[in-house]
Amino acid sequence: MRYKFSGMRYKFWGMRYKFWGMRYKFSGMRYKFSGMRYKFWGTRYKFSGMRYKFRSMRYKFSGMRYKFRSMRYKLLEMHPIFCHSNHIGYLHQMKLPNGKLEHTRGNLGKPKFNLYLDTPLKCLNIIKFPINQDTTLYSSKYLEKSSYHLYSALFIVEWLLEFVQQFDGNKKLGIVTPYRAQSNLIYKLVNVNYKKLNGNEVLVSTIHGFQGDECDIIICAFNPPRSKNQKVVINDRNVINVAISRAKDHLILFIPENYAEYSELKKIVSIIITQKISNNSVDAKVIENELFQSKTYFENISYTTAHHPINVFGNSDYKYEIRIEDDALDIQINENH
């Protein structure tokens, strides 16, 4: 029996050696996988290093971005409008130690053109138009929730037809408005009179539609909404910034006479006064009287009524016969007036 047990012991030992051999094989495979794991770890650390480098670069760019943002906000606080001694510069200004503003554009020399009649056109010009919510011609109206102002639109186009006659077809003018309805109204009135533009190019668009474009002369028609809320378009600093920075040589601002009720328009006028910026500031009624020999010229040539379901148009005693509805605005122009 001792020999039997010894034989069994040898068999168990043999099995043990076999298991040990298998263990060594598995250990070898484990080392191989461990080696591969270390290689992958090495690769991971390399990628991690690159990731940290990219993160570092990202933080640097973020820092630069915040610096540019800070500069942008500072410029906006100053309100990017500058015009002095027949110079003009928008967004090209800086604050000097003495507190004055300076530009980076060249000298335009003495004014060569007129705003109206014998009044010289300066680089900055302000024309204030009347507001009266009790009178259709002077009130803010809405077309599909978009604001328009009849008097300012008619005035701008009639004045424009006189204004462009002094140019020899080599000027690019832009008319920008904060609201689509006002833009469409002025565009259609200009388009009807395109043969009277003396060969000059006149672009009409909303402020948002004018981003990136520039003109020799920019006419900003800031027709007001009825609301004085801070969230209205003409109280948006960025929108105003885009509008007044589109001009190369001359900027003409048409603002409501109650501009002080709108914070950003009030800021513009305040900067002009406090910085003693050279400008023309005149009431639209003064120009109306001098150009057309009557302060009530537009009242006399315009007739406003409701837009009825059935309309029959005959000869009119008015140059502008205007029919208004909440979702429609029709203007019949009598060229023989």
C-alpha atoms as a PDB file:
ATOM      1  CA  MET A   1       0.000   0.000   0.000  1.00  0.00           C
ATOM      2  CA  ARG A   2       2.935   2.275   0.639  1.00  0.00           C
ATOM      3  CA  TYR A   3       3.922   1.842  -3.013  1.00  0.00           C
ATOM      4  CA  LYS A   4       0.362   2.602  -4.100  1.00  0.00           C
ATOM      5  CA  PHE A   5       0.293   5.790  -2.061  1.00  0.00           C
ATOM      6  CA  SER A   6       3.727   6.696  -3.383  1.00  0.00           C
ATOM      7  CA  GLY A   7       2.413   6.164  -6.931  1.00  0.00           C
ATOM      8  CA  MET A   8      -0.564   8.358  -6.243  1.00  0.00           C
ATOM      9  CA  ARG A   9       1.743  10.981  -4.722  1.00  0.00           C
ATOM     10  CA  TYR A  10       3.875  11.006  -7.887  1.00  0.00           C
ATOM     11  CA  LYS A  11       0.730  11.309  -9.980  1.00  0.00           C
ATOM     12  CA  PHE A  12      -0.435  14.299  -7.890  1.00  0.00           C
ATOM     13  CA  TRP A  13       3.034  15.803  -8.160  1.00  0.00           C
ATOM     14  CA  GLY A  14       2.861  15.322 -11.910  1.00  0.00           C
ATOM     15  CA  MET A  15      -0.482  17.059 -12.017  1.00  0.00           C
ATOM     16  CA  ARG A  16       0.916  19.819  -9.811  1.00  0.00           C
ATOM     17  CA  TYR A  17       3.811  20.354 -12.216  1.00  0.00           C
ATOM     18  CA  LYS A  18       1.378  20.470 -15.101  1.00  0.00           C
ATOM     19  CA  PHE A  19      -0.710  23.098 -13.291  1.00  0.00           C
ATOM     20  CA  TRP A  20       2.503  24.999 -12.504  1.00  0.00           C
ATOM     21  CA  GLY A  21       3.387  24.885 -16.199  1.00  0.00           C
ATOM     22  CA  MET A  22      -0.026  26.240 -17.074  1.00  0.00           C
ATOM     23  CA  ARG A  23       0.439  28.901 -14.392  1.00  0.00           C
ATOM     24  CA  TYR A  24       3.747  29.948 -15.925  1.00  0.00           C
ATOM     25  CA  LYS A  25       2.097  30.086 -19.326  1.00  0.00           C
ATOM     26  CA  PHE A  26      -0.690  32.248 -17.944  1.00  0.00           C
ATOM     27  CA  SER A  27       1.918  34.345 -16.107  1.00  0.00           C
ATOM     28  CA  GLY A  28       3.768  34.840 -19.404  1.00  0.00           C
ATOM     29  CA  MET A  29       0.546  35.926 -21.096  1.00  0.00           C
ATOM     30  CA  ARG A  30      -0.136  38.222 -18.164  1.00  0.00           C
ATOM     31  CA  TYR A  31       3.285  39.849 -18.566  1.00  0.00           C
ATOM     32  CA  LYS A  32       2.638  40.284 -22.267  1.00  0.00           C
ATOM     33  CA  PHE A  33      -0.701  41.934 -21.557  1.00  0.00           C
ATOM     34  CA  SER A  34       0.960  43.992 -18.831  1.00  0.00           C
ATOM     35  CA  GLY A  35       3.576  45.134 -21.363  1.00  0.00           C
ATOM     36  CA  MET A  36       0.844  46.103 -23.773  1.00  0.00           C
ATOM     37  CA  ARG A  37      -0.940  47.868 -20.945  1.00  0.00           C
ATOM     38  CA  TYR A  38       2.201  49.856 -20.126  1.00  0.00           C
ATOM     39  CA  LYS A  39       2.512  50.798 -23.789  1.00  0.00           C
ATOM     40  CA  PHE A  40      -1.085  51.998 -23.853  1.00  0.00           C
ATOM     41  CA  TRP A  41      -0.466  53.847 -20.608  1.00  0.00           C
ATOM     42  CA  GLY A  42       2.550  55.510 -22.195  1.00  0.00           C
ATOM     43  CA  THR A  43       0.420  56.540 -25.157  1.00  0.00           C
ATOM     44  CA  ARG A  44      -2.280  57.769 -22.826  1.00  0.00           C
ATOM     45  CA  TYR A  45       0.219  59.891 -20.912  1.00  0.00           C
ATOM     46  CA  LYS A  46       1.463  61.355 -24.195  1.00  0.00           C
ATOM     47  CA  PHE A  47      -2.077  62.237 -25.224  1.00  0.00           C
ATOM     48  CA  SER A  48      -2.718  63.583 -21.723  1.00  0.00           C
ATOM     49  CA  GLY A  49       0.354  65.783 -22.091  1.00  0.00           C
ATOM     50  CA  MET A  50      -0.940  67.072 -25.422  1.00  0.00           C
ATOM     51  CA  ARG A  51      -4.336  67.606 -23.862  1.00  0.00           C
ATOM     52  CA  TYR A  52      -2.827  69.707 -21.081  1.00  0.00           C
ATOM     53  CA  LYS A  53      -0.884  71.701 -23.662  1.00  0.00           C
ATOM     54  CA  PHE A  54      -4.067  72.348 -25.654  1.00  0.00           C
ATOM     55  CA  ARG A  55      -5.843  73.271 -22.453  1.00  0.00           C
ATOM     56  CA  SER A  56      -3.074  75.717 -21.640  1.00  0.00           C
ATOM     57  CA  MET A  57      -3.385  77.237 -25.124  1.00  0.00           C
ATOM     58  CA  ARG A  58      -7.148  77.371 -24.707  1.00  0.00           C
ATOM     59  CA  TYR A  59      -6.811  79.281 -21.458  1.00  0.00           C
ATOM     60  CA  LYS A  60      -4.394  81.689 -23.120  1.00  0.00           C
ATOM     61  CA  PHE A  61      -6.836  82.299 -25.977  1.00  0.00           C
ATOM     62  CA  SER A  62      -9.653  82.639 -23.437  1.00  0.00           C
ATOM     63  CA  GLY A  63      -7.601  85.254 -21.634  1.00  0.00           C
ATOM     64  CA  MET A  64      -7.108  87.134 -24.892  1.00  0.00           C
ATOM     65  CA  ARG A  65     -10.820  86.815 -25.634  1.00  0.00           C
ATOM     66  CA  TYR A  66     -11.717  88.340 -22.276  1.00  0.00           C
ATOM     67  CA  LYS A  67      -9.246  91.158 -22.898  1.00  0.00           C
ATOM     68  CA  PHE A  68     -10.840  91.914 -26.275  1.00  0.00           C
ATOM     69  CA  ARG A  69     -14.274  91.727 -24.681  1.00  0.00           C
ATOM     70  CA  SER A  70     -13.144  94.150 -22.018  1.00  0.00           C
ATOM     71  CA  MET A  71     -11.838  96.524 -24.683  1.00  0.00           C
ATOM     72  CA  ARG A  72     -15.088  96.192 -26.611  1.00  0.00           C
ATOM     73  CA  TYR A  73     -17.168  97.042 -23.558  1.00  0.00           C
ATOM     74  CA  LYS A  74     -14.958 100.040 -22.835  1.00  0.00           C
ATOM     75  CA  LEU A  75     -15.484 101.293 -26.390  1.00  0.00           C
ATOM     76  CA  LEU A  76     -19.208 100.770 -26.070  1.00  0.00           C
ATOM     77  CA  GLU A  77     -19.224 102.691 -22.804  1.00  0.00           C
ATOM     78  CA  MET A  78     -17.631 105.572 -24.691  1.00  0.00           C
ATOM     79  CA  HIS A  79     -20.238 105.084 -27.438  1.00  0.00           C
ATOM     80  CA  PRO A  80     -18.274 104.668 -30.672  1.00  0.00           C
ATOM     81  CA  ILE A  81     -19.020 107.959 -32.339  1.00  0.00           C
ATOM     82  CA  PHE A  82     -16.437 110.644 -32.965  1.00  0.00           C
ATOM     83  CA  CYS A  83     -16.483 113.697 -35.171  1.00  0.00           C
ATOM     84  CA  HIS A  84     -14.453 116.864 -34.677  1.00  0.00           C
ATOM     85  CA  SER A  85     -13.133 119.652 -36.897  1.00  0.00           C
ATOM     86  CA  ASN A  86     -14.407 118.028 -40.081  1.00  0.00           C
ATOM     87  CA  HIS A  87     -12.931 114.635 -39.216  1.00  0.00           C
ATOM     88  CA  ILE A  88     -14.877 111.469 -38.788  1.00  0.00           C
ATOM     89  CA  GLY A  89     -13.926 108.210 -37.156  1.00  0.00           C
ATOM     90  CA  TYR A  90     -16.114 105.438 -35.848  1.00  0.00           C
ATOM     91  CA  LEU A  91     -14.626 102.718 -33.661  1.00  0.00           C
ATOM     92  CA  HIS A  92     -11.177 104.190 -34.468  1.00  0.00           C
ATOM     93  CA  GLN A  93     -11.007 106.309 -31.363  1.00  0.00           C
ATOM     94  CA  MET A  94      -9.141 106.129 -28.115  1.00  0.00           C
ATOM     95  CA  LYS A  95      -9.209 107.869 -24.767  1.00  0.00           C
ATOM     96  CA  LEU A  96      -6.141 110.048 -24.214  1.00  0.00           C
ATOM     97  CA  PRO A  97      -4.612 110.953 -20.814  1.00  0.00           C
ATOM     98  CA  ASN A  98      -6.010 114.460 -21.148  1.00  0.00           C
ATOM     99  CA  GLY A  99      -9.519 113.017 -21.433  1.00  0.00           C
ATOM    100  CA  LYS A 100     -10.030 114.039 -25.050  1.00  0.00           C
ATOM    101  CA  LEU A 101     -11.035 111.838 -27.943  1.00  0.00           C
ATOM    102  CA  GLU A 102      -8.843 111.388 -30.985  1.00  0.00           C
ATOM    103  CA  HIS A 103      -9.388 109.693 -34.332  1.00  0.00           C
ATOM    104  CA  THR A 104      -7.239 107.740 -36.776  1.00  0.00           C
ATOM    105  CA  ARG A 105      -8.753 109.059 -40.003  1.00  0.00           C
ATOM    106  CA  GLY A 106      -7.294 111.788 -42.167  1.00  0.00           C
ATOM    107  CA  ASN A 107      -8.470 115.359 -42.582  1.00  0.00           C
ATOM    108  CA  LEU A 108     -11.478 115.663 -44.853  1.00  0.00           C
ATOM    109  CA  GLY A 109     -10.900 119.374 -45.344  1.00  0.00           C
ATOM    110  CA  LYS A 110     -13.675 121.961 -45.575  1.00  0.00           C
ATOM    111  CA  PRO A 111     -17.200 120.719 -46.281  1.00  0.00           C
ATOM    112  CA  LYS A 112     -17.804 120.439 -50.016  1.00  0.00           C
ATOM    113  CA  PHE A 113     -21.508 119.700 -49.875  1.00  0.00           C
ATOM    114  CA  ASN A 114     -24.634 121.085 -48.237  1.00  0.00           C
ATOM    115  CA  LEU A 115     -27.113 119.426 -45.937  1.00  0.00           C
ATOM    116  CA  TYR A 116     -29.810 121.644 -47.447  1.00  0.00           C
ATOM    117  CA  LEU A 117     -29.666 124.889 -49.389  1.00  0.00           C
ATOM    118  CA  ASP A 118     -26.595 126.794 -48.099  1.00  0.00           C
ATOM    119  CA  THR A 119     -26.175 124.861 -44.837  1.00  0.00           C
ATOM    120  CA  PRO A 120     -22.841 122.972 -45.092  1.00  0.00           C
ATOM    121  CA  LEU A 121     -22.878 119.207 -44.696  1.00  0.00           C
ATOM    122  CA  LYS A 122     -20.708 118.331 -41.720  1.00  0.00           C
ATOM    123  CA  CYS A 123     -19.392 114.923 -40.836  1.00  0.00           C
ATOM    124  CA  LEU A 124     -22.090 114.657 -38.168  1.00  0.00           C
ATOM    125  CA  ASN A 125     -25.605 115.994 -38.758  1.00  0.00           C
ATOM    126  CA  ILE A 126     -28.707 115.677 -36.592  1.00  0.00           C
ATOM    127  CA  ILE A 127     -32.238 116.281 -37.840  1.00  0.00           C
ATOM    128  CA  LYS A 128     -35.053 116.083 -35.282  1.00  0.00           C
ATOM    129  CA  PHE A 129     -38.514 115.215 -36.553  1.00  0.00           C
ATOM    130  CA  PRO A 130     -41.825 115.803 -34.710  1.00  0.00           C
ATOM    131  CA  ILE A 131     -43.778 113.142 -32.813  1.00  0.00           C
ATOM    132  CA  ASN A 132     -47.505 113.408 -32.077  1.00  0.00           C
ATOM    133  CA  GLN A 133     -49.394 110.239 -31.260  1.00  0.00           C
ATOM    134  CA  ASP A 134     -52.723 112.018 -31.839  1.00  0.00           C
ATOM    135  CA  THR A 135     -51.987 112.717 -35.503  1.00  0.00           C
ATOM    136  CA  THR A 136     -51.594 109.911 -38.032  1.00  0.00           C
ATOM    137  CA  LEU A 137     -48.823 111.604 -39.989  1.00  0.00           C
ATOM    138  CA  TYR A 138     -46.660 112.187 -36.906  1.00  0.00           C
ATOM    139  CA  SER A 139     -47.489 109.104 -34.828  1.00  0.00           C
ATOM    140  CA  SER A 140     -45.772 105.730 -34.571  1.00  0.00           C
ATOM    141  CA  LYS A 141     -47.783 103.128 -36.450  1.00  0.00           C
ATOM    142  CA  TYR A 142     -47.404  99.355 -36.613  1.00  0.00           C
ATOM    143  CA  LEU A 143     -47.501  96.976 -39.538  1.00  0.00           C
ATOM    144  CA  GLU A 144     -47.493  93.373 -38.311  1.00  0.00           C
ATOM    145  CA  LYS A 145     -45.837  94.471 -35.034  1.00  0.00           C
ATOM    146  CA  SER A 146     -43.110  96.437 -36.867  1.00  0.00           C
ATOM    147  CA  SER A 147     -43.012 100.190 -36.265  1.00  0.00           C
ATOM    148  CA  TYR A 148     -43.077 102.867 -38.976  1.00  0.00           C
ATOM    149  CA  HIS A 149     -43.394 106.654 -38.977  1.00  0.00           C
ATOM    150  CA  LEU A 150     -45.008 108.306 -42.009  1.00  0.00           C
ATOM    151  CA  TYR A 151     -43.695 111.848 -41.639  1.00  0.00           C
ATOM    152  CA  SER A 152     -40.041 110.859 -41.216  1.00  0.00           C
ATOM    153  CA  ALA A 153     -40.243 108.446 -44.174  1.00  0.00           C
ATOM    154  CA  LEU A 154     -41.837 111.011 -46.509  1.00  0.00           C
ATOM    155  CA  PHE A 155     -39.493 113.748 -45.294  1.00  0.00           C
ATOM    156  CA  ILE A 156     -36.350 111.645 -45.785  1.00  0.00           C
ATOM    157  CA  VAL A 157     -37.273 110.710 -49.355  1.00  0.00           C
ATOM    158  CA  GLU A 158     -38.328 114.246 -50.418  1.00  0.00           C
ATOM    159  CA  TRP A 159     -35.220 115.738 -48.793  1.00  0.00           C
ATOM    160  CA  LEU A 160     -33.029 113.003 -50.320  1.00  0.00           C
ATOM    161  CA  LEU A 161     -34.190 113.816 -53.865  1.00  0.00           C
ATOM    162  CA  GLU A 162     -32.961 117.386 -53.321  1.00  0.00           C
ATOM    163  CA  PHE A 163     -29.833 116.329 -51.426  1.00  0.00           C
ATOM    164  CA  VAL A 164     -28.395 113.961 -54.090  1.00  0.00           C
ATOM    165  CA  GLN A 165     -28.549 116.534 -56.877  1.00  0.00           C
ATOM    166  CA  GLN A 166     -25.225 118.020 -55.704  1.00  0.00           C
ATOM    167  CA  PHE A 167     -23.381 114.729 -56.341  1.00  0.00           C
ATOM    168  CA  ASP A 168     -22.216 113.638 -59.792  1.00  0.00           C
ATOM    169  CA  GLY A 169     -23.391 110.059 -59.588  1.00  0.00           C
ATOM    170  CA  ASN A 170     -20.299 108.957 -57.669  1.00  0.00           C
ATOM    171  CA  LYS A 171     -21.734 108.669 -54.154  1.00  0.00           C
ATOM    172  CA  LYS A 172     -22.897 105.608 -52.294  1.00  0.00           C
ATOM    173  CA  LEU A 173     -25.536 106.454 -49.716  1.00  0.00           C
ATOM    174  CA  GLY A 174     -27.140 104.130 -47.195  1.00  0.00           C
ATOM    175  CA  ILE A 175     -30.393 104.534 -45.292  1.00  0.00           C
ATOM    176  CA  VAL A 176     -30.628 102.322 -42.212  1.00  0.00           C
ATOM    177  CA  THR A 177     -33.649 101.903 -39.965  1.00  0.00           C
ATOM    178  CA  PRO A 178     -34.267  99.892 -36.805  1.00  0.00           C
ATOM    179  CA  TYR A 179     -37.562  98.421 -38.016  1.00  0.00           C
ATOM    180  CA  ARG A 180     -38.471  96.370 -41.089  1.00  0.00           C
ATOM    181  CA  ALA A 181     -41.710  98.259 -41.799  1.00  0.00           C
ATOM    182  CA  GLN A 182     -39.906 101.613 -41.914  1.00  0.00           C
ATOM    183  CA  SER A 183     -37.163 100.127 -44.080  1.00  0.00           C
ATOM    184  CA  ASN A 184     -39.662  98.688 -46.570  1.00  0.00           C
ATOM    185  CA  LEU A 185     -41.617 101.942 -46.677  1.00  0.00           C
ATOM    186  CA  ILE A 186     -38.546 104.072 -47.435  1.00  0.00           C
ATOM    187  CA  TYR A 187     -37.186 101.489 -49.884  1.00  0.00           C
ATOM    188  CA  LYS A 188     -40.395 101.511 -51.963  1.00  0.00           C
ATOM    189  CA  LEU A 189     -40.571 105.322 -51.943  1.00  0.00           C
ATOM    190  CA  VAL A 190     -36.920 105.550 -53.063  1.00  0.00           C
ATOM    191  CA  ASN A 191     -37.412 102.843 -55.682  1.00  0.00           C
ATOM    192  CA  VAL A 192     -40.348 104.732 -57.231  1.00  0.00           C
ATOM    193  CA  ASN A 193     -38.061 107.772 -57.569  1.00  0.00           C
ATOM    194  CA  TYR A 194     -34.854 105.987 -58.643  1.00  0.00           C
ATOM    195  CA  LYS A 195     -34.614 108.031 -61.875  1.00  0.00           C
ATOM    196  CA  LYS A 196     -34.350 111.200 -59.774  1.00  0.00           C
ATOM    197  CA  LEU A 197     -31.300 110.021 -57.811  1.00  0.00           C
ATOM    198  CA  ASN A 198     -28.885 111.625 -60.280  1.00  0.00           C
ATOM    199  CA  GLY A 199     -27.043 108.348 -60.842  1.00  0.00           C
ATOM    200  CA  ASN A 200     -26.065 107.911 -57.194  1.00  0.00           C
ATOM    201  CA  GLU A 201     -26.421 104.560 -55.445  1.00  0.00           C
ATOM    202  CA  VAL A 202     -28.847 104.494 -52.527  1.00  0.00           C
ATOM    203  CA  LEU A 203     -29.133 101.379 -50.353  1.00  0.00           C
ATOM    204  CA  VAL A 204     -32.000 100.928 -47.907  1.00  0.00           C
ATOM    205  CA  SER A 205     -32.066  98.256 -45.208  1.00  0.00           C
ATOM    206  CA  THR A 206     -32.599  97.544 -41.557  1.00  0.00           C
ATOM    207  CA  ILE A 207     -29.637  97.980 -39.219  1.00  0.00           C
ATOM    208  CA  HIS A 208     -29.247  94.208 -38.907  1.00  0.00           C
ATOM    209  CA  GLY A 209     -29.276  93.833 -42.687  1.00  0.00           C
ATOM    210  CA  PHE A 210     -26.563  96.481 -43.087  1.00  0.00           C
ATOM    211  CA  GLN A 211     -23.888  94.794 -40.950  1.00  0.00           C
ATOM    212  CA  GLY A 212     -20.527  94.644 -42.701  1.00  0.00           C
ATOM    213  CA  ASP A 213     -21.382  97.230 -45.365  1.00  0.00           C
ATOM    214  CA  GLU A 214     -20.179 100.832 -45.523  1.00  0.00           C
ATOM    215  CA  CYS A 215     -21.266 103.920 -47.463  1.00  0.00           C
ATOM    216  CA  ASP A 216     -19.843 107.378 -48.093  1.00  0.00           C
ATOM    217  CA  ILE A 217     -22.900 108.832 -46.391  1.00  0.00           C
ATOM    218  CA  ILE A 218     -25.104 107.014 -43.900  1.00  0.00           C
ATOM    219  CA  ILE A 219     -28.593 108.227 -43.041  1.00  0.00           C
ATOM    220  CA  CYS A 220     -29.902 106.705 -39.814  1.00  0.00           C
ATOM    221  CA  ALA A 221     -33.684 106.931 -39.596  1.00  0.00           C
ATOM    222  CA  PHE A 222     -34.376 106.209 -35.933  1.00  0.00           C
ATOM    223  CA  ASN A 223     -38.159 106.050 -36.001  1.00  0.00           C
ATOM    224  CA  PRO A 224     -39.420 105.331 -32.475  1.00  0.00           C
ATOM    225  CA  PRO A 225     -41.869 102.684 -31.297  1.00  0.00           C
ATOM    226  CA  ARG A 226     -44.688 103.690 -28.990  1.00  0.00           C
ATOM    227  CA  SER A 227     -43.073 101.844 -26.090  1.00  0.00           C
ATOM    228  CA  LYS A 228     -40.300 103.480 -24.066  1.00  0.00           C
ATOM    229  CA  ASN A 229     -39.205 100.090 -22.695  1.00  0.00           C
ATOM    230  CA  GLN A 230     -35.444  99.519 -22.351  1.00  0.00           C
ATOM    231  CA  LYS A 231     -35.769  96.390 -24.496  1.00  0.00           C
ATOM    232  CA  VAL A 232     -36.919  98.220 -27.662  1.00  0.00           C
ATOM    233  CA  VAL A 233     -34.485  98.185 -30.590  1.00  0.00           C
ATOM    234  CA  ILE A 234     -33.413 101.828 -30.415  1.00  0.00           C
ATOM    235  CA  ASN A 235     -32.386 101.268 -26.790  1.00  0.00           C
ATOM    236  CA  ASP A 236     -30.021  98.481 -27.834  1.00  0.00           C
ATOM    237  CA  ARG A 237     -26.439  99.744 -27.643  1.00  0.00           C
ATOM    238  CA  ASN A 238     -25.056  97.155 -30.069  1.00  0.00           C
ATOM    239  CA  VAL A 239     -27.714  97.965 -32.677  1.00  0.00           C
ATOM    240  CA  ILE A 240     -27.019 101.701 -32.409  1.00  0.00           C
ATOM    241  CA  ASN A 241     -23.289 100.959 -32.644  1.00  0.00           C
ATOM    242  CA  VAL A 242     -23.746  99.088 -35.948  1.00  0.00           C
ATOM    243  CA  ALA A 243     -25.887 101.897 -37.371  1.00  0.00           C
ATOM    244  CA  ILE A 244     -23.570 104.816 -36.618  1.00  0.00           C
ATOM    245  CA  SER A 245     -20.393 102.957 -37.590  1.00  0.00           C
ATOM    246  CA  ARG A 246     -21.350 102.336 -41.239  1.00  0.00           C
ATOM    247  CA  ALA A 247     -20.392 105.841 -42.496  1.00  0.00           C
ATOM    248  CA  LYS A 248     -17.071 106.606 -44.171  1.00  0.00           C
ATOM    249  CA  ASP A 249     -17.379 110.382 -44.451  1.00  0.00           C
ATOM    250  CA  HIS A 250     -20.730 111.745 -43.284  1.00  0.00           C
ATOM    251  CA  LEU A 251     -23.366 110.607 -40.815  1.00  0.00           C
ATOM    252  CA  ILE A 252     -26.889 112.038 -40.802  1.00  0.00           C
ATOM    253  CA  LEU A 253     -29.054 111.106 -37.821  1.00  0.00           C
ATOM    254  CA  PHE A 254     -32.820 111.473 -38.051  1.00  0.00           C
ATOM    255  CA  ILE A 255     -34.026 111.246 -34.467  1.00  0.00           C
ATOM    256  CA  PRO A 256     -37.413 111.943 -32.855  1.00  0.00           C
ATOM    257  CA  GLU A 257     -37.788 115.226 -31.023  1.00  0.00           C
ATOM    258  CA  ASN A 258     -38.464 113.215 -27.836  1.00  0.00           C
ATOM    259  CA  TYR A 259     -35.103 111.403 -28.177  1.00  0.00           C
ATOM    260  CA  ALA A 260     -34.377 111.979 -24.460  1.00  0.00           C
ATOM    261  CA  GLU A 261     -36.967 109.297 -23.662  1.00  0.00           C
ATOM    262  CA  TYR A 262     -34.738 106.689 -25.337  1.00  0.00           C
ATOM    263  CA  SER A 263     -31.539 106.006 -23.397  1.00  0.00           C
ATOM    264  CA  GLU A 264     -29.117 105.293 -26.271  1.00  0.00           C
ATOM    265  CA  LEU A 265     -30.260 108.228 -28.423  1.00  0.00           C
ATOM    266  CA  LYS A 266     -29.952 110.427 -25.361  1.00  0.00           C
ATOM    267  CA  LYS A 267     -26.370 109.171 -24.832  1.00  0.00           C
ATOM    268  CA  ILE A 268     -25.389 110.056 -28.399  1.00  0.00           C
ATOM    269  CA  VAL A 269     -26.651 113.622 -28.077  1.00  0.00           C
ATOM    270  CA  SER A 270     -25.057 113.918 -24.622  1.00  0.00           C
ATOM    271  CA  ILE A 271     -21.643 112.843 -25.981  1.00  0.00           C
ATOM    272  CA  ILE A 272     -21.912 115.341 -28.829  1.00  0.00           C
ATOM    273  CA  ILE A 273     -22.663 118.150 -26.376  1.00  0.00           C
ATOM    274  CA  THR A 274     -20.123 117.252 -23.677  1.00  0.00           C
ATOM    275  CA  GLN A 275     -17.292 116.562 -26.156  1.00  0.00           C
ATOM    276  CA  LYS A 276     -18.203 119.727 -28.107  1.00  0.00           C
ATOM    277  CA  ILE A 277     -18.263 117.743 -31.336  1.00  0.00           C
ATOM    278  CA  SER A 278     -18.804 119.843 -34.436  1.00  0.00           C
ATOM    279  CA  ASN A 279     -22.221 119.089 -35.931  1.00  0.00           C
ATOM    280  CA  ASN A 280     -25.353 120.370 -37.559  1.00  0.00           C
ATOM    281  CA  SER A 281     -28.436 120.121 -35.368  1.00  0.00           C
ATOM    282  CA  VAL A 282     -31.679 121.292 -36.912  1.00  0.00           C
ATOM    283  CA  ASP A 283     -35.410 120.602 -36.729  1.00  0.00           C
ATOM    284  CA  ALA A 284     -37.032 118.894 -39.693  1.00  0.00           C
ATOM    285  CA  LYS A 285     -39.699 121.590 -39.718  1.00  0.00           C
ATOM    286  CA  VAL A 286     -37.031 124.245 -40.343  1.00  0.00           C
ATOM    287  CA  ILE A 287     -35.725 122.337 -43.364  1.00  0.00           C
ATOM    288  CA  GLU A 288     -39.291 121.682 -44.545  1.00  0.00           C
ATOM    289  CA  ASN A 289     -40.028 125.388 -44.444  1.00  0.00           C
ATOM    290  CA  GLU A 290     -36.826 126.400 -46.261  1.00  0.00           C
ATOM    291  CA  LEU A 291     -36.941 123.668 -48.918  1.00  0.00           C
ATOM    292  CA  PHE A 292     -40.677 123.703 -49.617  1.00  0.00           C
ATOM    293  CA  GLN A 293     -41.657 127.174 -48.352  1.00  0.00           C
ATOM    294  CA  SER A 294     -44.103 125.816 -45.771  1.00  0.00           C
ATOM    295  CA  LYS A 295     -43.856 124.245 -42.322  1.00  0.00           C
ATOM    296  CA  THR A 296     -46.988 122.261 -43.128  1.00  0.00           C
ATOM    297  CA  TYR A 297     -45.857 121.113 -46.575  1.00  0.00           C
ATOM    298  CA  PHE A 298     -46.257 117.394 -45.854  1.00  0.00           C
ATOM    299  CA  GLU A 299     -49.598 117.931 -44.152  1.00  0.00           C
ATOM    300  CA  ASN A 300     -50.778 119.812 -47.236  1.00  0.00           C
ATOM    301  CA  ILE A 301     -49.679 117.166 -49.757  1.00  0.00           C
ATOM    302  CA  SER A 302     -50.741 114.092 -47.766  1.00  0.00           C
ATOM    303  CA  TYR A 303     -54.102 112.554 -47.037  1.00  0.00           C
ATOM    304  CA  THR A 304     -54.465 109.587 -44.697  1.00  0.00           C
ATOM    305  CA  THR A 305     -57.491 107.351 -44.346  1.00  0.00           C
ATOM    306  CA  ALA A 306     -58.419 103.800 -43.392  1.00  0.00           C
ATOM    307  CA  HIS A 307     -57.802 100.944 -45.813  1.00  0.00           C
ATOM    308  CA  HIS A 308     -61.356  99.860 -46.756  1.00  0.00           C
ATOM    309  CA  PRO A 309     -62.302  96.420 -48.117  1.00  0.00           C
ATOM    310  CA  ILE A 310     -63.214  98.055 -51.434  1.00  0.00           C
ATOM    311  CA  ASN A 311     -61.093 100.942 -52.767  1.00  0.00           C
ATOM    312  CA  VAL A 312     -61.656 102.876 -55.978  1.00  0.00           C
ATOM    313  CA  PHE A 313     -58.784 105.179 -56.916  1.00  0.00           C
ATOM    314  CA  GLY A 314     -59.400 108.255 -59.030  1.00  0.00           C
ATOM    315  CA  ASN A 315     -57.523 111.511 -59.500  1.00  0.00           C
ATOM    316  CA  SER A 316     -56.284 112.814 -56.174  1.00  0.00           C
ATOM    317  CA  ASP A 317     -55.826 116.351 -54.932  1.00  0.00           C
ATOM    318  CA  TYR A 318     -52.876 115.164 -52.853  1.00  0.00           C
ATOM    319  CA  LYS A 319     -49.410 114.008 -53.818  1.00  0.00           C
ATOM    320  CA  TYR A 320     -49.572 111.215 -51.244  1.00  0.00           C
ATOM    321  CA  GLU A 321     -52.882 109.482 -50.611  1.00  0.00           C
ATOM    322  CA  ILE A 322     -52.286 107.009 -47.800  1.00  0.00           C
ATOM    323  CA  ARG A 323     -54.542 104.124 -46.746  1.00  0.00           C
ATOM    324  CA  ILE A 324     -53.704 102.392 -43.480  1.00  0.00           C
ATOM    325  CA  GLU A 325     -54.722  99.072 -41.953  1.00  0.00           C
ATOM    326  CA  ASP A 326     -53.116  96.873 -39.296  1.00  0.00           C
ATOM    327  CA  ASP A 327     -51.740  94.502 -41.939  1.00  0.00           C
ATOM    328  CA  ALA A 328     -51.469  96.820 -44.951  1.00  0.00           C
ATOM    329  CA  LEU A 329     -50.203 100.236 -45.979  1.00  0.00           C
ATOM    330  CA  ASP A 330     -51.003 101.670 -49.417  1.00  0.00           C
ATOM    331  CA  ILE A 331     -49.608 104.928 -50.777  1.00  0.00           C
ATOM    332  CA  GLN A 332     -50.868 106.353 -54.046  1.00  0.00           C
ATOM    333  CA  ILE A 333     -48.473 108.922 -55.497  1.00  0.00           C
ATOM    334  CA  ASN A 334     -49.787 111.615 -57.805  1.00  0.00           C
ATOM    335  CA  GLU A 335     -46.757 112.785 -59.816  1.00  0.00           C
ATOM    336  CA  ASN A 336     -48.725 115.670 -61.340  1.00  0.00           C
ATOM    337  CA  HIS A 337     -49.240 117.354 -58.003  1.00  0.00           C
END
